[in-house]
Amino acid sequence: MAEVNLKVQKRTEFKKSLSKDIRKKGFIPGVFYGHGVEPTPILASETAMKPLIYTSESRVINLSIEGEDASYSCIIKDIQFDPLKNRPIHFDLLALTEGEKINLEVNVILKGSAIGVKDGGVLQHTLHKLEIECLPQNIPPQIEVDITNLSIGDSVKAGDIKLEGIEILNDANASVVSVVPPTIDKEAEAAAAAAAEAAAEAEAEGEGEKAAEPEVIAKGKKEEEK
């Protein structure tokens, strides 16, 4: 996996009012931590973080902290977003240690066009990320799942995916992607049935009224004759 360089500053002020000012200036507060690493509050420019946040690939970061000569290998462990503006407001970087396995989530990318979809089935992509455990050098940029041969009723479960040097931690029976039969809109079906029933009742009432009319006319003629 290719490394991406990231330069950050140490953060020394932690007031809420200052945090707002920091974000207005185009910086995102974060923290760098890991096994044998002292947790370090940091600041990164939003511009520098964009290639790491808005991507489907997992990337190893070559981290440089202002004022320090050493650099560190790490990954993004977590990102928090503003629920209204959908902008990143905080991030966590996890240090990587050679020979030490780590847990992380990796995006699932579907490859191919399922046969079942061409036959009228509906593709359901249930798990968009998988939790894995592996050594730093085995971190995949993403997990590709070939769906070409999936027919209606077929699925790919977490336990079906085998990757060398990588353990998938999700439940083996958890469905990652499947092709299901086309669904029927039950509400639309019920409305159509109700409309048909109402039309049938109206038609029956109309026929009843027509059948009753000759009898009324007949009575009128008898009274006139009398």
C-alpha atoms as a PDB file:
ATOM      1  CA  MET A   1       0.000   0.000   0.000  1.00  0.00           C
ATOM      2  CA  ALA A   2       1.316   3.443  -0.964  1.00  0.00           C
ATOM      3  CA  GLU A   3       1.990   5.951   1.808  1.00  0.00           C
ATOM      4  CA  VAL A   4       0.582   9.465   1.916  1.00  0.00           C
ATOM      5  CA  ASN A   5       2.503  12.274   3.592  1.00  0.00           C
ATOM      6  CA  LEU A   6       0.740  14.446   6.171  1.00  0.00           C
ATOM      7  CA  LYS A   7       2.215  17.356   8.112  1.00  0.00           C
ATOM      8  CA  VAL A   8       0.457  18.497  11.294  1.00  0.00           C
ATOM      9  CA  GLN A   9       0.943  20.927  14.169  1.00  0.00           C
ATOM     10  CA  LYS A  10       0.786  20.237  17.871  1.00  0.00           C
ATOM     11  CA  ARG A  11      -2.290  21.668  19.547  1.00  0.00           C
ATOM     12  CA  THR A  12      -1.799  23.519  22.829  1.00  0.00           C
ATOM     13  CA  GLU A  13      -5.148  25.270  23.369  1.00  0.00           C
ATOM     14  CA  PHE A  14      -8.370  23.331  24.041  1.00  0.00           C
ATOM     15  CA  LYS A  15     -11.123  25.893  24.700  1.00  0.00           C
ATOM     16  CA  LYS A  16     -14.378  25.365  22.783  1.00  0.00           C
ATOM     17  CA  SER A  17     -14.326  28.925  21.507  1.00  0.00           C
ATOM     18  CA  LEU A  18     -10.836  28.367  20.100  1.00  0.00           C
ATOM     19  CA  SER A  19     -11.942  25.115  18.452  1.00  0.00           C
ATOM     20  CA  LYS A  20     -14.545  27.043  16.462  1.00  0.00           C
ATOM     21  CA  ASP A  21     -11.938  29.587  15.401  1.00  0.00           C
ATOM     22  CA  ILE A  22      -9.587  26.771  14.394  1.00  0.00           C
ATOM     23  CA  ARG A  23     -12.206  25.231  12.115  1.00  0.00           C
ATOM     24  CA  LYS A  24     -13.097  28.620  10.617  1.00  0.00           C
ATOM     25  CA  LYS A  25      -9.425  29.018   9.677  1.00  0.00           C
ATOM     26  CA  GLY A  26      -9.540  25.714   7.772  1.00  0.00           C
ATOM     27  CA  PHE A  27      -7.975  23.385  10.338  1.00  0.00           C
ATOM     28  CA  ILE A  28      -9.300  20.163  11.885  1.00  0.00           C
ATOM     29  CA  PRO A  29      -8.340  19.157  15.432  1.00  0.00           C
ATOM     30  CA  GLY A  30      -7.298  15.564  16.023  1.00  0.00           C
ATOM     31  CA  VAL A  31      -5.265  13.221  18.179  1.00  0.00           C
ATOM     32  CA  PHE A  32      -2.377  10.877  17.387  1.00  0.00           C
ATOM     33  CA  TYR A  33      -1.995   7.831  19.626  1.00  0.00           C
ATOM     34  CA  GLY A  34      -0.972   4.187  19.643  1.00  0.00           C
ATOM     35  CA  HIS A  35       0.949   1.465  21.460  1.00  0.00           C
ATOM     36  CA  GLY A  36       4.045   3.011  23.010  1.00  0.00           C
ATOM     37  CA  VAL A  37       3.077   6.477  21.750  1.00  0.00           C
ATOM     38  CA  GLU A  38       2.103   9.358  24.013  1.00  0.00           C
ATOM     39  CA  PRO A  39      -1.322  10.691  22.903  1.00  0.00           C
ATOM     40  CA  THR A  40      -0.642  13.945  21.066  1.00  0.00           C
ATOM     41  CA  PRO A  41      -3.328  16.563  20.251  1.00  0.00           C
ATOM     42  CA  ILE A  42      -2.710  17.824  16.728  1.00  0.00           C
ATOM     43  CA  LEU A  43      -4.072  20.144  14.027  1.00  0.00           C
ATOM     44  CA  ALA A  44      -4.217  19.375  10.305  1.00  0.00           C
ATOM     45  CA  SER A  45      -5.356  21.570   7.458  1.00  0.00           C
ATOM     46  CA  GLU A  46      -8.689  20.534   5.954  1.00  0.00           C
ATOM     47  CA  THR A  47      -7.102  20.719   2.491  1.00  0.00           C
ATOM     48  CA  ALA A  48      -4.406  18.206   3.457  1.00  0.00           C
ATOM     49  CA  MET A  49      -6.986  15.870   5.021  1.00  0.00           C
ATOM     50  CA  LYS A  50      -9.409  15.767   2.082  1.00  0.00           C
ATOM     51  CA  PRO A  51      -7.498  13.101   0.080  1.00  0.00           C
ATOM     52  CA  LEU A  52      -7.479  10.910   3.200  1.00  0.00           C
ATOM     53  CA  ILE A  53     -11.121  11.422   4.148  1.00  0.00           C
ATOM     54  CA  TYR A  54     -12.963  11.477   0.824  1.00  0.00           C
ATOM     55  CA  THR A  55     -11.700   8.218  -0.630  1.00  0.00           C
ATOM     56  CA  SER A  56     -12.814   4.614  -0.776  1.00  0.00           C
ATOM     57  CA  GLU A  57      -9.270   3.367  -0.154  1.00  0.00           C
ATOM     58  CA  SER A  58      -7.526   2.741   3.158  1.00  0.00           C
ATOM     59  CA  ARG A  59      -4.151   4.489   3.207  1.00  0.00           C
ATOM     60  CA  VAL A  60      -1.076   4.398   5.390  1.00  0.00           C
ATOM     61  CA  ILE A  61      -0.050   7.880   6.473  1.00  0.00           C
ATOM     62  CA  ASN A  62       3.547   9.038   6.864  1.00  0.00           C
ATOM     63  CA  LEU A  63       2.985  11.559   9.666  1.00  0.00           C
ATOM     64  CA  SER A  64       5.298  14.499  10.396  1.00  0.00           C
ATOM     65  CA  ILE A  65       4.673  16.597  13.500  1.00  0.00           C
ATOM     66  CA  GLU A  66       5.931  20.160  13.445  1.00  0.00           C
ATOM     67  CA  GLY A  67       8.952  20.561  15.737  1.00  0.00           C
ATOM     68  CA  GLU A  68       9.863  16.850  15.699  1.00  0.00           C
ATOM     69  CA  ASP A  69      12.487  15.145  13.551  1.00  0.00           C
ATOM     70  CA  ALA A  70      10.868  11.711  13.634  1.00  0.00           C
ATOM     71  CA  SER A  71       8.041  10.605  11.365  1.00  0.00           C
ATOM     72  CA  TYR A  72       5.397   8.006  12.133  1.00  0.00           C
ATOM     73  CA  SER A  73       3.363   5.469  10.183  1.00  0.00           C
ATOM     74  CA  CYS A  74      -0.308   5.595  11.064  1.00  0.00           C
ATOM     75  CA  ILE A  75      -3.851   5.208   9.738  1.00  0.00           C
ATOM     76  CA  ILE A  76      -7.077   7.128  10.218  1.00  0.00           C
ATOM     77  CA  LYS A  77      -8.929   5.302  12.950  1.00  0.00           C
ATOM     78  CA  ASP A  78     -11.957   7.561  13.267  1.00  0.00           C
ATOM     79  CA  ILE A  79     -13.471  10.759  11.816  1.00  0.00           C
ATOM     80  CA  GLN A  80     -16.289  12.819  13.310  1.00  0.00           C
ATOM     81  CA  PHE A  81     -18.507  14.977  11.098  1.00  0.00           C
ATOM     82  CA  ASP A  82     -20.745  17.944  11.787  1.00  0.00           C
ATOM     83  CA  PRO A  83     -24.272  16.477  11.453  1.00  0.00           C
ATOM     84  CA  LEU A  84     -25.613  19.640   9.788  1.00  0.00           C
ATOM     85  CA  LYS A  85     -22.756  20.762   7.534  1.00  0.00           C
ATOM     86  CA  ASN A  86     -21.274  17.276   6.984  1.00  0.00           C
ATOM     87  CA  ARG A  87     -17.767  18.685   7.468  1.00  0.00           C
ATOM     88  CA  PRO A  88     -15.037  16.862   9.428  1.00  0.00           C
ATOM     89  CA  ILE A  89     -14.656  18.289  12.927  1.00  0.00           C
ATOM     90  CA  HIS A  90     -12.246  15.793  14.541  1.00  0.00           C
ATOM     91  CA  PHE A  91     -10.071  12.835  13.587  1.00  0.00           C
ATOM     92  CA  ASP A  92      -8.033  10.086  15.267  1.00  0.00           C
ATOM     93  CA  LEU A  93      -4.732   8.753  13.932  1.00  0.00           C
ATOM     94  CA  LEU A  94      -3.555   5.347  15.132  1.00  0.00           C
ATOM     95  CA  ALA A  95       0.184   4.627  15.143  1.00  0.00           C
ATOM     96  CA  LEU A  96       1.342   1.449  13.404  1.00  0.00           C
ATOM     97  CA  THR A  97       3.942  -0.776  15.016  1.00  0.00           C
ATOM     98  CA  GLU A  98       5.947  -3.196  12.898  1.00  0.00           C
ATOM     99  CA  GLY A  99       5.043  -6.800  13.716  1.00  0.00           C
ATOM    100  CA  GLU A 100       1.919  -5.791  15.666  1.00  0.00           C
ATOM    101  CA  LYS A 101      -1.506  -6.586  14.241  1.00  0.00           C
ATOM    102  CA  ILE A 102      -4.191  -3.910  14.166  1.00  0.00           C
ATOM    103  CA  ASN A 103      -7.957  -3.829  13.749  1.00  0.00           C
ATOM    104  CA  LEU A 104      -9.517  -1.512  11.192  1.00  0.00           C
ATOM    105  CA  GLU A 105     -12.441  -1.159   8.803  1.00  0.00           C
ATOM    106  CA  VAL A 106     -11.907  -1.411   5.057  1.00  0.00           C
ATOM    107  CA  ASN A 107     -14.364  -0.423   2.320  1.00  0.00           C
ATOM    108  CA  VAL A 108     -16.000  -3.146   0.221  1.00  0.00           C
ATOM    109  CA  ILE A 109     -16.035  -2.512  -3.539  1.00  0.00           C
ATOM    110  CA  LEU A 110     -18.294  -4.569  -5.815  1.00  0.00           C
ATOM    111  CA  LYS A 111     -16.917  -5.718  -9.161  1.00  0.00           C
ATOM    112  CA  GLY A 112     -18.900  -6.875 -12.182  1.00  0.00           C
ATOM    113  CA  SER A 113     -22.607  -7.041 -13.017  1.00  0.00           C
ATOM    114  CA  ALA A 114     -24.661  -9.752 -11.336  1.00  0.00           C
ATOM    115  CA  ILE A 115     -26.518 -12.218 -13.589  1.00  0.00           C
ATOM    116  CA  GLY A 116     -29.470 -12.088 -11.203  1.00  0.00           C
ATOM    117  CA  VAL A 117     -29.916  -8.354 -11.719  1.00  0.00           C
ATOM    118  CA  LYS A 118     -30.120  -8.870 -15.487  1.00  0.00           C
ATOM    119  CA  ASP A 119     -32.854 -11.449 -14.783  1.00  0.00           C
ATOM    120  CA  GLY A 120     -34.891  -8.906 -12.819  1.00  0.00           C
ATOM    121  CA  GLY A 121     -33.464  -9.355  -9.320  1.00  0.00           C
ATOM    122  CA  VAL A 122     -32.502  -6.540  -6.966  1.00  0.00           C
ATOM    123  CA  LEU A 123     -28.934  -6.077  -5.725  1.00  0.00           C
ATOM    124  CA  GLN A 124     -28.621  -5.503  -1.973  1.00  0.00           C
ATOM    125  CA  HIS A 125     -25.223  -4.283  -0.746  1.00  0.00           C
ATOM    126  CA  THR A 126     -25.596  -4.777   3.000  1.00  0.00           C
ATOM    127  CA  LEU A 127     -22.058  -4.371   4.366  1.00  0.00           C
ATOM    128  CA  HIS A 128     -20.132  -1.473   2.835  1.00  0.00           C
ATOM    129  CA  LYS A 129     -17.196  -2.003   5.210  1.00  0.00           C
ATOM    130  CA  LEU A 130     -15.586  -5.056   6.789  1.00  0.00           C
ATOM    131  CA  GLU A 131     -13.642  -5.124  10.035  1.00  0.00           C
ATOM    132  CA  ILE A 132     -10.301  -6.865   9.635  1.00  0.00           C
ATOM    133  CA  GLU A 133      -7.189  -7.726  11.626  1.00  0.00           C
ATOM    134  CA  CYS A 134      -3.775  -7.850   9.996  1.00  0.00           C
ATOM    135  CA  LEU A 135      -0.182  -6.680  10.106  1.00  0.00           C
ATOM    136  CA  PRO A 136       0.452  -3.120   8.839  1.00  0.00           C
ATOM    137  CA  GLN A 137       2.119  -4.348   5.644  1.00  0.00           C
ATOM    138  CA  ASN A 138      -0.972  -6.410   4.757  1.00  0.00           C
ATOM    139  CA  ILE A 139      -3.525  -3.589   4.994  1.00  0.00           C
ATOM    140  CA  PRO A 140      -5.508  -3.672   1.728  1.00  0.00           C
ATOM    141  CA  PRO A 141      -6.562  -0.377   0.111  1.00  0.00           C
ATOM    142  CA  GLN A 142     -10.051  -1.917  -0.268  1.00  0.00           C
ATOM    143  CA  ILE A 143     -11.749  -5.317  -0.417  1.00  0.00           C
ATOM    144  CA  GLU A 144     -13.061  -6.279  -3.845  1.00  0.00           C
ATOM    145  CA  VAL A 145     -16.009  -8.678  -4.171  1.00  0.00           C
ATOM    146  CA  ASP A 146     -16.841 -10.157  -7.574  1.00  0.00           C
ATOM    147  CA  ILE A 147     -20.631 -10.338  -8.008  1.00  0.00           C
ATOM    148  CA  THR A 148     -20.701 -11.438 -11.670  1.00  0.00           C
ATOM    149  CA  ASN A 149     -22.002 -14.970 -10.997  1.00  0.00           C
ATOM    150  CA  LEU A 150     -24.650 -14.060  -8.435  1.00  0.00           C
ATOM    151  CA  SER A 151     -28.106 -15.281  -9.485  1.00  0.00           C
ATOM    152  CA  ILE A 152     -31.414 -14.428  -7.825  1.00  0.00           C
ATOM    153  CA  GLY A 153     -31.265 -15.856  -4.302  1.00  0.00           C
ATOM    154  CA  ASP A 154     -27.442 -15.958  -4.171  1.00  0.00           C
ATOM    155  CA  SER A 155     -25.318 -13.991  -1.706  1.00  0.00           C
ATOM    156  CA  VAL A 156     -21.728 -13.417  -0.607  1.00  0.00           C
ATOM    157  CA  LYS A 157     -21.228 -13.694   3.148  1.00  0.00           C
ATOM    158  CA  ALA A 158     -18.328 -12.418   5.221  1.00  0.00           C
ATOM    159  CA  GLY A 159     -17.110 -15.990   5.700  1.00  0.00           C
ATOM    160  CA  ASP A 160     -16.915 -16.493   1.927  1.00  0.00           C
ATOM    161  CA  ILE A 161     -14.219 -13.837   1.546  1.00  0.00           C
ATOM    162  CA  LYS A 162     -10.691 -15.184   1.929  1.00  0.00           C
ATOM    163  CA  LEU A 163      -7.696 -12.835   1.935  1.00  0.00           C
ATOM    164  CA  GLU A 164      -4.112 -13.903   2.531  1.00  0.00           C
ATOM    165  CA  GLY A 165      -2.674 -12.536   5.768  1.00  0.00           C
ATOM    166  CA  ILE A 166      -5.998 -10.939   6.711  1.00  0.00           C
ATOM    167  CA  GLU A 167      -8.624 -12.107   9.193  1.00  0.00           C
ATOM    168  CA  ILE A 168     -12.169 -10.843   8.737  1.00  0.00           C
ATOM    169  CA  LEU A 169     -13.754 -10.209  12.130  1.00  0.00           C
ATOM    170  CA  ASN A 170     -17.391  -9.857  11.046  1.00  0.00           C
ATOM    171  CA  ASP A 171     -19.821 -12.708  11.697  1.00  0.00           C
ATOM    172  CA  ALA A 172     -19.151 -15.358   9.052  1.00  0.00           C
ATOM    173  CA  ASN A 173     -22.883 -15.548   8.256  1.00  0.00           C
ATOM    174  CA  ALA A 174     -23.283 -11.786   7.798  1.00  0.00           C
ATOM    175  CA  SER A 175     -24.437 -11.010   4.250  1.00  0.00           C
ATOM    176  CA  VAL A 176     -22.145  -8.631   2.386  1.00  0.00           C
ATOM    177  CA  VAL A 177     -24.086  -8.542  -0.880  1.00  0.00           C
ATOM    178  CA  SER A 178     -27.017 -10.492  -2.291  1.00  0.00           C
ATOM    179  CA  VAL A 179     -29.465 -10.612  -5.190  1.00  0.00           C
ATOM    180  CA  VAL A 180     -33.084 -10.868  -4.061  1.00  0.00           C
ATOM    181  CA  PRO A 181     -36.317 -11.322  -6.023  1.00  0.00           C
ATOM    182  CA  PRO A 182     -38.048  -8.108  -7.142  1.00  0.00           C
ATOM    183  CA  THR A 183     -40.199  -6.698  -4.373  1.00  0.00           C
ATOM    184  CA  ILE A 184     -43.925  -5.980  -4.694  1.00  0.00           C
ATOM    185  CA  ASP A 185     -45.273  -2.739  -3.309  1.00  0.00           C
ATOM    186  CA  LYS A 186     -47.802  -4.119  -0.812  1.00  0.00           C
ATOM    187  CA  GLU A 187     -49.445  -0.734  -0.250  1.00  0.00           C
ATOM    188  CA  ALA A 188     -49.984  -0.211  -3.983  1.00  0.00           C
ATOM    189  CA  GLU A 189     -51.266  -3.766  -4.315  1.00  0.00           C
ATOM    190  CA  ALA A 190     -53.743  -3.272  -1.426  1.00  0.00           C
ATOM    191  CA  ALA A 191     -54.933   0.057  -2.885  1.00  0.00           C
ATOM    192  CA  ALA A 192     -55.511  -1.538  -6.285  1.00  0.00           C
ATOM    193  CA  ALA A 193     -57.464  -4.405  -4.686  1.00  0.00           C
ATOM    194  CA  ALA A 194     -59.604  -1.948  -2.687  1.00  0.00           C
ATOM    195  CA  ALA A 195     -60.311   0.104  -5.808  1.00  0.00           C
ATOM    196  CA  ALA A 196     -61.319  -3.019  -7.747  1.00  0.00           C
ATOM    197  CA  GLU A 197     -63.600  -4.114  -4.904  1.00  0.00           C
ATOM    198  CA  ALA A 198     -65.243  -0.667  -4.729  1.00  0.00           C
ATOM    199  CA  ALA A 199     -65.794  -0.688  -8.496  1.00  0.00           C
ATOM    200  CA  ALA A 200     -67.377  -4.141  -8.296  1.00  0.00           C
ATOM    201  CA  GLU A 201     -69.714  -3.007  -5.496  1.00  0.00           C
ATOM    202  CA  ALA A 202     -70.729   0.104  -7.451  1.00  0.00           C
ATOM    203  CA  GLU A 203     -71.412  -1.994 -10.517  1.00  0.00           C
ATOM    204  CA  ALA A 204     -73.504  -4.452  -8.468  1.00  0.00           C
ATOM    205  CA  GLU A 205     -75.549  -1.608  -6.960  1.00  0.00           C
ATOM    206  CA  GLY A 206     -76.135  -0.144 -10.416  1.00  0.00           C
ATOM    207  CA  GLU A 207     -77.436  -3.468 -11.725  1.00  0.00           C
ATOM    208  CA  GLY A 208     -79.720  -3.777  -8.693  1.00  0.00           C
ATOM    209  CA  GLU A 209     -81.273  -0.390  -9.354  1.00  0.00           C
ATOM    210  CA  LYS A 210     -81.898  -1.235 -13.011  1.00  0.00           C
ATOM    211  CA  ALA A 211     -83.568  -4.510 -12.028  1.00  0.00           C
ATOM    212  CA  ALA A 212     -85.885  -2.701  -9.560  1.00  0.00           C
ATOM    213  CA  GLU A 213     -87.123  -0.050 -12.015  1.00  0.00           C
ATOM    214  CA  PRO A 214     -89.537  -2.267 -14.111  1.00  0.00           C
ATOM    215  CA  GLU A 215     -91.309  -3.409 -10.956  1.00  0.00           C
ATOM    216  CA  VAL A 216     -92.055   0.170  -9.885  1.00  0.00           C
ATOM    217  CA  ILE A 217     -93.386   1.075 -13.350  1.00  0.00           C
ATOM    218  CA  ALA A 218     -95.571  -2.023 -13.376  1.00  0.00           C
ATOM    219  CA  LYS A 219     -97.223  -1.052 -10.116  1.00  0.00           C
ATOM    220  CA  GLY A 220     -97.962   2.410 -11.457  1.00  0.00           C
ATOM    221  CA  LYS A 221     -99.768   0.963 -14.490  1.00  0.00           C
ATOM    222  CA  LYS A 222    -101.944  -1.279 -12.315  1.00  0.00           C
ATOM    223  CA  GLU A 223    -103.038   1.667 -10.186  1.00  0.00           C
ATOM    224  CA  GLU A 224    -103.988   3.667 -13.316  1.00  0.00           C
ATOM    225  CA  GLU A 225    -106.029   0.751 -14.599  1.00  0.00           C
ATOM    226  CA  LYS A 226    -107.916   0.602 -11.307  1.00  0.00           C
END
